[in-house]
Amino acid sequence: MLGFVTGGTRGQADVVLAEVAAQLRGDGVALAGVVQVNEDFDPARPCHMDLHILTGVQVVRISQNLGALSKGCRLDPAGLEQAVGLVERALDLSPDLLIVNKFGKQEADGRGFRPLIGQALAAGIPVLTAVNTGNRAAFDAFADGLGIALPCAPKEILQFCRDHIKGNL
């Protein structure tokens, strides 16, 4: 199963997925994947974007400082690929669930976590991610009807996860 969170305010899905992951880990669910935690440090500048790897304590910064006047994409592709490599190794352990912070532009373009999402689904591992409206068409094409839309609400997301984890919790 492929569940995807939609809606909510900017950054809300990051907070909700982190909350869901913490609850599932507390319940003993074996997770693979990442959640994003944004670190605000200066109101006049964009936040730092960090991916917390769910199988350990590693944190990978995926934002880069392009300067105060830059309007370009702040994503650090090398940081993202580092996180993908860490999660790929975790998939070999057959986790109960893969959580990917979002199906973003990199995934829409066939990179980032997209191959791992497909690998997990092929192995029967349910996947949870978030999708914003700008990447929804690419996600729908990728999901090919397998995606289940979920509101940006922890209770409903947790229920989806529990319903689709092998052996149900």
N, C-alpha and C. Protein backbone atom coordinates (compact mmCIF):
# COMPACT_ATOMS: atom_id res chain seq x y z
N MET A 1 0.82 -1.19 0.00
CA MET A 1 0.00 0.00 0.00
C MET A 1 0.87 1.25 0.00
N LEU A 2 0.36 2.26 -0.63
CA LEU A 2 1.06 3.53 -0.76
C LEU A 2 0.15 4.65 -0.27
N GLY A 3 0.35 5.07 0.97
CA GLY A 3 -0.44 6.16 1.53
C GLY A 3 0.29 7.47 1.34
N PHE A 4 -0.48 8.51 1.02
CA PHE A 4 0.15 9.82 0.87
C PHE A 4 -0.70 10.89 1.55
N VAL A 5 0.01 11.74 2.28
CA VAL A 5 -0.60 12.81 3.04
C VAL A 5 -0.71 14.04 2.15
N THR A 6 -1.88 14.65 2.17
CA THR A 6 -2.09 15.88 1.40
C THR A 6 -2.71 16.92 2.32
N GLY A 7 -2.65 18.15 1.87
CA GLY A 7 -3.29 19.23 2.62
C GLY A 7 -2.44 19.71 3.77
N GLY A 8 -3.06 20.53 4.58
CA GLY A 8 -2.35 21.11 5.71
C GLY A 8 -1.61 22.38 5.30
N THR A 9 -1.08 23.06 6.27
CA THR A 9 -0.32 24.28 6.01
C THR A 9 1.12 23.93 5.66
N ARG A 10 1.86 24.91 5.19
CA ARG A 10 3.26 24.69 4.81
C ARG A 10 4.04 24.12 6.00
N GLY A 11 4.69 22.98 5.78
CA GLY A 11 5.48 22.34 6.82
C GLY A 11 4.70 21.44 7.77
N GLN A 12 3.39 21.49 7.71
CA GLN A 12 2.58 20.69 8.63
C GLN A 12 2.79 19.19 8.40
N ALA A 13 2.89 18.76 7.16
CA ALA A 13 3.08 17.33 6.89
C ALA A 13 4.39 16.84 7.51
N ASP A 14 5.43 17.67 7.50
CA ASP A 14 6.70 17.28 8.12
C ASP A 14 6.49 16.98 9.61
N VAL A 15 5.79 17.87 10.28
CA VAL A 15 5.55 17.72 11.72
C VAL A 15 4.69 16.49 11.99
N VAL A 16 3.65 16.31 11.20
CA VAL A 16 2.73 15.19 11.40
C VAL A 16 3.43 13.85 11.13
N LEU A 17 4.21 13.76 10.05
CA LEU A 17 4.92 12.51 9.76
C LEU A 17 5.93 12.19 10.86
N ALA A 18 6.61 13.19 11.40
CA ALA A 18 7.55 12.96 12.50
C ALA A 18 6.80 12.45 13.73
N GLU A 19 5.65 13.02 14.00
CA GLU A 19 4.83 12.58 15.14
C GLU A 19 4.36 11.13 14.94
N VAL A 20 3.91 10.82 13.75
CA VAL A 20 3.46 9.45 13.45
C VAL A 20 4.62 8.47 13.59
N ALA A 21 5.78 8.82 13.06
CA ALA A 21 6.95 7.95 13.16
C ALA A 21 7.32 7.70 14.62
N ALA A 22 7.30 8.75 15.43
CA ALA A 22 7.64 8.59 16.85
C ALA A 22 6.65 7.65 17.55
N GLN A 23 5.37 7.80 17.24
CA GLN A 23 4.36 6.93 17.85
C GLN A 23 4.57 5.48 17.42
N LEU A 24 4.81 5.25 16.14
CA LEU A 24 5.00 3.89 15.65
C LEU A 24 6.27 3.26 16.23
N ARG A 25 7.35 4.04 16.31
CA ARG A 25 8.58 3.52 16.92
C ARG A 25 8.32 3.14 18.37
N GLY A 26 7.56 3.97 19.07
CA GLY A 26 7.21 3.68 20.46
C GLY A 26 6.39 2.40 20.59
N ASP A 27 5.64 2.07 19.53
CA ASP A 27 4.84 0.84 19.51
C ASP A 27 5.65 -0.38 19.08
N GLY A 28 6.93 -0.16 18.76
CA GLY A 28 7.78 -1.28 18.36
C GLY A 28 7.76 -1.59 16.88
N VAL A 29 7.24 -0.70 16.06
CA VAL A 29 7.20 -0.92 14.61
C VAL A 29 8.60 -0.68 14.04
N ALA A 30 9.08 -1.60 13.21
CA ALA A 30 10.37 -1.45 12.55
C ALA A 30 10.20 -0.52 11.35
N LEU A 31 10.79 0.65 11.43
CA LEU A 31 10.65 1.65 10.38
C LEU A 31 11.93 1.81 9.60
N ALA A 32 11.77 2.16 8.34
CA ALA A 32 12.87 2.64 7.51
C ALA A 32 12.39 3.96 6.93
N GLY A 33 13.32 4.80 6.55
CA GLY A 33 12.94 6.05 5.91
C GLY A 33 13.45 7.27 6.62
N VAL A 34 12.79 8.39 6.35
CA VAL A 34 13.21 9.68 6.88
C VAL A 34 12.01 10.54 7.20
N VAL A 35 12.21 11.40 8.19
CA VAL A 35 11.27 12.49 8.44
C VAL A 35 12.08 13.78 8.40
N GLN A 36 11.44 14.84 7.98
CA GLN A 36 12.12 16.12 7.85
C GLN A 36 11.83 17.00 9.05
N VAL A 37 12.89 17.60 9.59
CA VAL A 37 12.77 18.56 10.67
C VAL A 37 13.43 19.84 10.19
N ASN A 38 12.67 20.91 10.20
CA ASN A 38 13.17 22.21 9.77
C ASN A 38 13.64 22.99 10.98
N GLU A 39 14.82 23.58 10.86
CA GLU A 39 15.40 24.34 11.96
C GLU A 39 15.45 25.81 11.58
N ASP A 40 14.58 26.59 12.22
CA ASP A 40 14.60 28.04 12.00
C ASP A 40 15.71 28.63 12.84
N PHE A 41 16.49 29.53 12.24
CA PHE A 41 17.59 30.14 12.97
C PHE A 41 17.66 31.65 12.80
N ASP A 42 16.96 32.17 11.81
CA ASP A 42 16.97 33.61 11.56
C ASP A 42 15.68 33.94 10.81
N PRO A 43 14.82 34.78 11.36
CA PRO A 43 13.54 35.08 10.71
C PRO A 43 13.69 35.65 9.30
N ALA A 44 14.83 36.22 9.00
CA ALA A 44 15.05 36.82 7.69
C ALA A 44 15.62 35.84 6.67
N ARG A 45 15.89 34.60 7.10
CA ARG A 45 16.51 33.62 6.20
C ARG A 45 15.74 32.31 6.22
N PRO A 46 15.85 31.53 5.15
CA PRO A 46 15.16 30.24 5.13
C PRO A 46 15.71 29.28 6.19
N CYS A 47 14.89 28.37 6.61
CA CYS A 47 15.29 27.39 7.62
C CYS A 47 16.29 26.38 7.05
N HIS A 48 16.95 25.67 7.96
CA HIS A 48 17.74 24.50 7.57
C HIS A 48 16.76 23.33 7.44
N MET A 49 16.97 22.48 6.46
CA MET A 49 16.14 21.30 6.29
C MET A 49 16.99 20.06 6.58
N ASP A 50 16.59 19.30 7.58
CA ASP A 50 17.33 18.11 8.00
C ASP A 50 16.44 16.89 7.87
N LEU A 51 17.03 15.80 7.36
CA LEU A 51 16.34 14.52 7.33
C LEU A 51 16.87 13.65 8.46
N HIS A 52 15.96 13.19 9.30
CA HIS A 52 16.30 12.28 10.39
C HIS A 52 16.06 10.86 9.89
N ILE A 53 17.11 10.06 9.91
CA ILE A 53 17.04 8.68 9.42
C ILE A 53 16.37 7.83 10.50
N LEU A 54 15.31 7.13 10.15
CA LEU A 54 14.47 6.44 11.13
C LEU A 54 15.08 5.15 11.68
N THR A 55 16.17 4.67 11.09
CA THR A 55 16.78 3.44 11.60
C THR A 55 17.99 3.71 12.47
N GLY A 56 18.21 4.93 12.81
CA GLY A 56 19.37 5.24 13.65
C GLY A 56 19.27 6.65 14.19
N VAL A 57 20.42 7.24 14.40
CA VAL A 57 20.46 8.58 14.95
C VAL A 57 21.05 9.59 13.96
N GLN A 58 21.30 9.15 12.73
CA GLN A 58 21.89 10.05 11.75
C GLN A 58 20.90 11.14 11.36
N VAL A 59 21.46 12.33 11.13
CA VAL A 59 20.71 13.46 10.62
C VAL A 59 21.50 13.99 9.43
N VAL A 60 20.82 14.16 8.31
CA VAL A 60 21.48 14.62 7.08
C VAL A 60 20.86 15.95 6.67
N ARG A 61 21.67 16.97 6.57
CA ARG A 61 21.19 18.28 6.12
C ARG A 61 21.00 18.21 4.61
N ILE A 62 19.80 18.59 4.16
CA ILE A 62 19.51 18.56 2.72
C ILE A 62 19.30 19.95 2.14
N SER A 63 19.56 20.97 2.93
CA SER A 63 19.48 22.34 2.41
C SER A 63 20.88 22.90 2.32
N GLN A 64 21.05 23.81 1.39
CA GLN A 64 22.33 24.48 1.25
C GLN A 64 22.11 25.99 1.26
N ASN A 65 23.09 26.70 1.75
CA ASN A 65 23.02 28.15 1.83
C ASN A 65 23.46 28.74 0.50
N LEU A 66 22.53 29.33 -0.21
CA LEU A 66 22.84 29.91 -1.52
C LEU A 66 23.02 31.43 -1.45
N GLY A 67 22.96 31.97 -0.26
CA GLY A 67 23.10 33.41 -0.10
C GLY A 67 21.75 34.08 0.12
N ALA A 68 21.81 35.25 0.73
CA ALA A 68 20.60 35.95 1.14
C ALA A 68 19.70 36.35 -0.01
N LEU A 69 20.24 36.63 -1.17
CA LEU A 69 19.44 37.12 -2.29
C LEU A 69 19.04 36.02 -3.29
N SER A 70 19.45 34.81 -3.04
CA SER A 70 19.18 33.72 -3.97
C SER A 70 17.69 33.37 -3.99
N LYS A 71 17.20 33.04 -5.15
CA LYS A 71 15.82 32.59 -5.33
C LYS A 71 15.77 31.14 -5.81
N GLY A 72 16.93 30.50 -5.98
CA GLY A 72 17.00 29.14 -6.50
C GLY A 72 16.63 28.10 -5.46
N CYS A 73 16.54 26.89 -5.91
CA CYS A 73 16.21 25.75 -5.04
C CYS A 73 17.35 25.52 -4.06
N ARG A 74 17.01 25.41 -2.78
CA ARG A 74 18.01 25.23 -1.73
C ARG A 74 18.35 23.77 -1.47
N LEU A 75 17.68 22.85 -2.15
CA LEU A 75 17.95 21.43 -1.90
C LEU A 75 19.38 21.09 -2.27
N ASP A 76 20.05 20.40 -1.37
CA ASP A 76 21.40 19.90 -1.62
C ASP A 76 21.26 18.46 -2.14
N PRO A 77 21.42 18.25 -3.45
CA PRO A 77 21.23 16.91 -4.00
C PRO A 77 22.18 15.87 -3.39
N ALA A 78 23.39 16.27 -3.04
CA ALA A 78 24.34 15.33 -2.43
C ALA A 78 23.83 14.88 -1.06
N GLY A 79 23.29 15.80 -0.29
CA GLY A 79 22.72 15.44 1.02
C GLY A 79 21.55 14.49 0.86
N LEU A 80 20.69 14.79 -0.11
CA LEU A 80 19.54 13.92 -0.36
C LEU A 80 19.99 12.51 -0.73
N GLU A 81 20.97 12.41 -1.61
CA GLU A 81 21.45 11.09 -2.04
C GLU A 81 22.13 10.34 -0.89
N GLN A 82 22.78 11.07 0.01
CA GLN A 82 23.36 10.43 1.20
C GLN A 82 22.24 9.80 2.02
N ALA A 83 21.16 10.53 2.23
CA ALA A 83 20.02 10.00 2.99
C ALA A 83 19.41 8.80 2.28
N VAL A 84 19.29 8.88 0.96
CA VAL A 84 18.74 7.76 0.18
C VAL A 84 19.60 6.51 0.40
N GLY A 85 20.92 6.66 0.38
CA GLY A 85 21.81 5.52 0.58
C GLY A 85 21.63 4.88 1.95
N LEU A 86 21.46 5.71 2.99
CA LEU A 86 21.24 5.18 4.34
C LEU A 86 19.92 4.42 4.42
N VAL A 87 18.90 4.94 3.78
CA VAL A 87 17.59 4.28 3.81
C VAL A 87 17.61 3.01 2.96
N GLU A 88 18.33 3.03 1.87
CA GLU A 88 18.43 1.83 1.02
C GLU A 88 18.99 0.65 1.81
N ARG A 89 20.01 0.88 2.61
CA ARG A 89 20.58 -0.19 3.44
C ARG A 89 19.53 -0.69 4.45
N ALA A 90 18.72 0.21 4.96
CA ALA A 90 17.70 -0.17 5.94
C ALA A 90 16.60 -1.04 5.32
N LEU A 91 16.34 -0.83 4.03
CA LEU A 91 15.31 -1.65 3.36
C LEU A 91 15.71 -3.12 3.31
N ASP A 92 17.02 -3.41 3.33
CA ASP A 92 17.50 -4.79 3.32
C ASP A 92 17.08 -5.54 4.58
N LEU A 93 16.70 -4.81 5.63
CA LEU A 93 16.30 -5.43 6.90
C LEU A 93 14.81 -5.74 6.96
N SER A 94 14.10 -5.56 5.84
CA SER A 94 12.66 -5.82 5.74
C SER A 94 11.85 -5.13 6.85
N PRO A 95 11.85 -3.81 6.85
CA PRO A 95 11.08 -3.08 7.87
C PRO A 95 9.59 -3.29 7.68
N ASP A 96 8.83 -2.90 8.69
CA ASP A 96 7.37 -3.00 8.63
C ASP A 96 6.76 -1.90 7.77
N LEU A 97 7.47 -0.77 7.66
CA LEU A 97 6.93 0.40 6.97
C LEU A 97 8.07 1.30 6.52
N LEU A 98 7.92 1.88 5.33
CA LEU A 98 8.85 2.90 4.83
C LEU A 98 8.14 4.24 4.88
N ILE A 99 8.77 5.21 5.54
CA ILE A 99 8.25 6.58 5.57
C ILE A 99 9.24 7.47 4.82
N VAL A 100 8.73 8.20 3.84
CA VAL A 100 9.53 9.16 3.08
C VAL A 100 8.90 10.52 3.28
N ASN A 101 9.68 11.48 3.74
CA ASN A 101 9.14 12.79 4.11
C ASN A 101 8.27 13.41 3.04
N LYS A 102 8.64 13.25 1.77
CA LYS A 102 7.76 13.74 0.71
C LYS A 102 8.17 13.18 -0.63
N PHE A 103 7.20 13.13 -1.51
CA PHE A 103 7.43 12.84 -2.92
C PHE A 103 7.56 14.23 -3.55
N GLY A 104 8.80 14.69 -3.65
CA GLY A 104 9.05 16.05 -4.10
C GLY A 104 9.51 16.11 -5.54
N LYS A 105 10.13 17.22 -5.89
CA LYS A 105 10.58 17.44 -7.27
C LYS A 105 11.59 16.40 -7.71
N GLN A 106 12.52 16.04 -6.83
CA GLN A 106 13.51 15.02 -7.20
C GLN A 106 12.82 13.70 -7.54
N GLU A 107 11.85 13.31 -6.72
CA GLU A 107 11.11 12.06 -6.98
C GLU A 107 10.27 12.19 -8.24
N ALA A 108 9.67 13.35 -8.45
CA ALA A 108 8.88 13.58 -9.66
C ALA A 108 9.73 13.42 -10.91
N ASP A 109 11.02 13.76 -10.78
CA ASP A 109 11.96 13.64 -11.90
C ASP A 109 12.63 12.28 -11.97
N GLY A 110 12.20 11.34 -11.11
CA GLY A 110 12.74 9.97 -11.16
C GLY A 110 13.94 9.74 -10.26
N ARG A 111 14.31 10.71 -9.46
CA ARG A 111 15.49 10.59 -8.59
C ARG A 111 15.06 10.54 -7.12
N GLY A 112 16.00 10.85 -6.24
CA GLY A 112 15.69 10.88 -4.81
C GLY A 112 15.22 9.53 -4.30
N PHE A 113 14.15 9.54 -3.55
CA PHE A 113 13.62 8.32 -2.93
C PHE A 113 12.72 7.51 -3.86
N ARG A 114 12.45 8.00 -5.05
CA ARG A 114 11.52 7.30 -5.94
C ARG A 114 11.87 5.83 -6.15
N PRO A 115 13.14 5.49 -6.50
CA PRO A 115 13.44 4.06 -6.68
C PRO A 115 13.20 3.23 -5.41
N LEU A 116 13.47 3.81 -4.25
CA LEU A 116 13.27 3.06 -3.00
C LEU A 116 11.79 2.85 -2.70
N ILE A 117 10.97 3.82 -3.06
CA ILE A 117 9.52 3.64 -2.89
C ILE A 117 9.06 2.45 -3.72
N GLY A 118 9.50 2.40 -4.96
CA GLY A 118 9.15 1.27 -5.83
C GLY A 118 9.69 -0.05 -5.30
N GLN A 119 10.92 -0.03 -4.81
CA GLN A 119 11.55 -1.24 -4.26
C GLN A 119 10.76 -1.74 -3.05
N ALA A 120 10.37 -0.83 -2.17
CA ALA A 120 9.60 -1.23 -0.98
C ALA A 120 8.26 -1.83 -1.38
N LEU A 121 7.56 -1.16 -2.28
CA LEU A 121 6.26 -1.67 -2.71
C LEU A 121 6.38 -3.05 -3.35
N ALA A 122 7.42 -3.24 -4.16
CA ALA A 122 7.64 -4.54 -4.80
C ALA A 122 7.92 -5.64 -3.77
N ALA A 123 8.51 -5.25 -2.63
CA ALA A 123 8.81 -6.21 -1.56
C ALA A 123 7.64 -6.38 -0.59
N GLY A 124 6.52 -5.70 -0.85
CA GLY A 124 5.36 -5.82 0.03
C GLY A 124 5.44 -4.96 1.28
N ILE A 125 6.33 -3.98 1.29
CA ILE A 125 6.47 -3.08 2.43
C ILE A 125 5.60 -1.86 2.17
N PRO A 126 4.65 -1.57 3.05
CA PRO A 126 3.82 -0.38 2.83
C PRO A 126 4.66 0.90 2.95
N VAL A 127 4.21 1.92 2.24
CA VAL A 127 4.94 3.19 2.17
C VAL A 127 4.00 4.32 2.55
N LEU A 128 4.55 5.27 3.31
CA LEU A 128 3.84 6.48 3.68
C LEU A 128 4.69 7.66 3.26
N THR A 129 4.09 8.64 2.58
CA THR A 129 4.80 9.84 2.15
C THR A 129 3.83 11.01 2.17
N ALA A 130 4.31 12.17 1.78
CA ALA A 130 3.48 13.36 1.63
C ALA A 130 3.68 13.89 0.22
N VAL A 131 2.64 14.51 -0.32
CA VAL A 131 2.70 15.06 -1.68
C VAL A 131 2.03 16.42 -1.68
N ASN A 132 2.72 17.41 -2.22
CA ASN A 132 2.09 18.73 -2.35
C ASN A 132 1.44 18.85 -3.72
N THR A 133 0.65 19.87 -3.90
CA THR A 133 -0.12 20.01 -5.14
C THR A 133 0.79 20.15 -6.36
N GLY A 134 1.95 20.76 -6.20
CA GLY A 134 2.85 20.93 -7.33
C GLY A 134 3.43 19.64 -7.88
N ASN A 135 3.48 18.60 -7.07
CA ASN A 135 4.03 17.31 -7.51
C ASN A 135 2.97 16.22 -7.61
N ARG A 136 1.73 16.59 -7.42
CA ARG A 136 0.65 15.59 -7.39
C ARG A 136 0.48 14.85 -8.72
N ALA A 137 0.55 15.54 -9.84
CA ALA A 137 0.38 14.87 -11.13
C ALA A 137 1.48 13.83 -11.36
N ALA A 138 2.72 14.18 -11.04
CA ALA A 138 3.83 13.23 -11.20
C ALA A 138 3.66 12.05 -10.25
N PHE A 139 3.20 12.33 -9.03
CA PHE A 139 2.97 11.25 -8.07
C PHE A 139 1.88 10.32 -8.58
N ASP A 140 0.78 10.88 -9.05
CA ASP A 140 -0.32 10.06 -9.55
C ASP A 140 0.12 9.17 -10.71
N ALA A 141 0.95 9.72 -11.58
CA ALA A 141 1.47 8.93 -12.70
C ALA A 141 2.35 7.79 -12.18
N PHE A 142 3.18 8.09 -11.21
CA PHE A 142 4.05 7.07 -10.61
C PHE A 142 3.23 6.01 -9.88
N ALA A 143 2.27 6.45 -9.06
CA ALA A 143 1.48 5.54 -8.23
C ALA A 143 0.54 4.66 -9.05
N ASP A 144 0.15 5.13 -10.22
CA ASP A 144 -0.69 4.35 -11.13
C ASP A 144 -1.91 3.75 -10.43
N GLY A 145 -2.59 4.59 -9.64
CA GLY A 145 -3.82 4.16 -8.99
C GLY A 145 -3.63 3.47 -7.65
N LEU A 146 -2.40 3.24 -7.21
CA LEU A 146 -2.14 2.56 -5.94
C LEU A 146 -2.18 3.48 -4.73
N GLY A 147 -2.09 4.78 -4.95
CA GLY A 147 -2.01 5.72 -3.85
C GLY A 147 -3.33 5.90 -3.12
N ILE A 148 -3.25 6.00 -1.81
CA ILE A 148 -4.42 6.25 -0.97
C ILE A 148 -4.19 7.60 -0.30
N ALA A 149 -5.05 8.57 -0.61
CA ALA A 149 -4.93 9.91 -0.04
C ALA A 149 -5.34 9.91 1.42
N LEU A 150 -4.52 10.57 2.24
CA LEU A 150 -4.78 10.66 3.67
C LEU A 150 -4.78 12.13 4.08
N PRO A 151 -5.65 12.51 5.00
CA PRO A 151 -5.63 13.88 5.48
C PRO A 151 -4.38 14.10 6.34
N CYS A 152 -4.02 15.33 6.51
CA CYS A 152 -2.84 15.68 7.32
C CYS A 152 -3.23 15.67 8.79
N ALA A 153 -3.58 14.48 9.27
CA ALA A 153 -4.09 14.30 10.64
C ALA A 153 -3.49 13.02 11.22
N PRO A 154 -2.77 13.13 12.33
CA PRO A 154 -2.07 11.96 12.89
C PRO A 154 -2.95 10.74 13.13
N LYS A 155 -4.13 10.93 13.67
CA LYS A 155 -5.00 9.80 14.00
C LYS A 155 -5.31 8.95 12.77
N GLU A 156 -5.71 9.59 11.68
CA GLU A 156 -6.05 8.87 10.46
C GLU A 156 -4.82 8.22 9.82
N ILE A 157 -3.70 8.90 9.88
CA ILE A 157 -2.47 8.35 9.30
C ILE A 157 -2.01 7.13 10.10
N LEU A 158 -2.05 7.24 11.42
CA LEU A 158 -1.69 6.09 12.25
C LEU A 158 -2.59 4.90 11.97
N GLN A 159 -3.87 5.15 11.79
CA GLN A 159 -4.79 4.05 11.51
C GLN A 159 -4.45 3.39 10.17
N PHE A 160 -4.15 4.20 9.16
CA PHE A 160 -3.73 3.66 7.87
C PHE A 160 -2.51 2.76 8.05
N CYS A 161 -1.50 3.26 8.77
CA CYS A 161 -0.27 2.49 8.97
C CYS A 161 -0.56 1.18 9.68
N ARG A 162 -1.31 1.25 10.75
CA ARG A 162 -1.61 0.04 11.52
C ARG A 162 -2.41 -0.96 10.70
N ASP A 163 -3.28 -0.48 9.84
CA ASP A 163 -4.09 -1.37 9.00
C ASP A 163 -3.26 -2.08 7.94
N HIS A 164 -2.14 -1.49 7.52
CA HIS A 164 -1.38 -2.03 6.40
C HIS A 164 -0.05 -2.66 6.78
N ILE A 165 0.32 -2.58 8.04
CA ILE A 165 1.56 -3.23 8.48
C ILE A 165 1.28 -4.72 8.64
N LYS A 166 2.21 -5.53 8.16
CA LYS A 166 2.05 -7.00 8.28
C LYS A 166 1.82 -7.37 9.74
N GLY A 167 0.86 -8.21 9.98
CA GLY A 167 0.57 -8.66 11.33
C GLY A 167 -0.28 -7.65 12.09
N ASN A 168 -0.63 -6.55 11.44
CA ASN A 168 -1.44 -5.46 12.04
C ASN A 168 -1.20 -5.31 13.53
N LEU A 169 -1.07 -4.08 13.94
CA LEU A 169 -0.84 -3.77 15.37
C LEU A 169 -2.15 -3.63 16.10
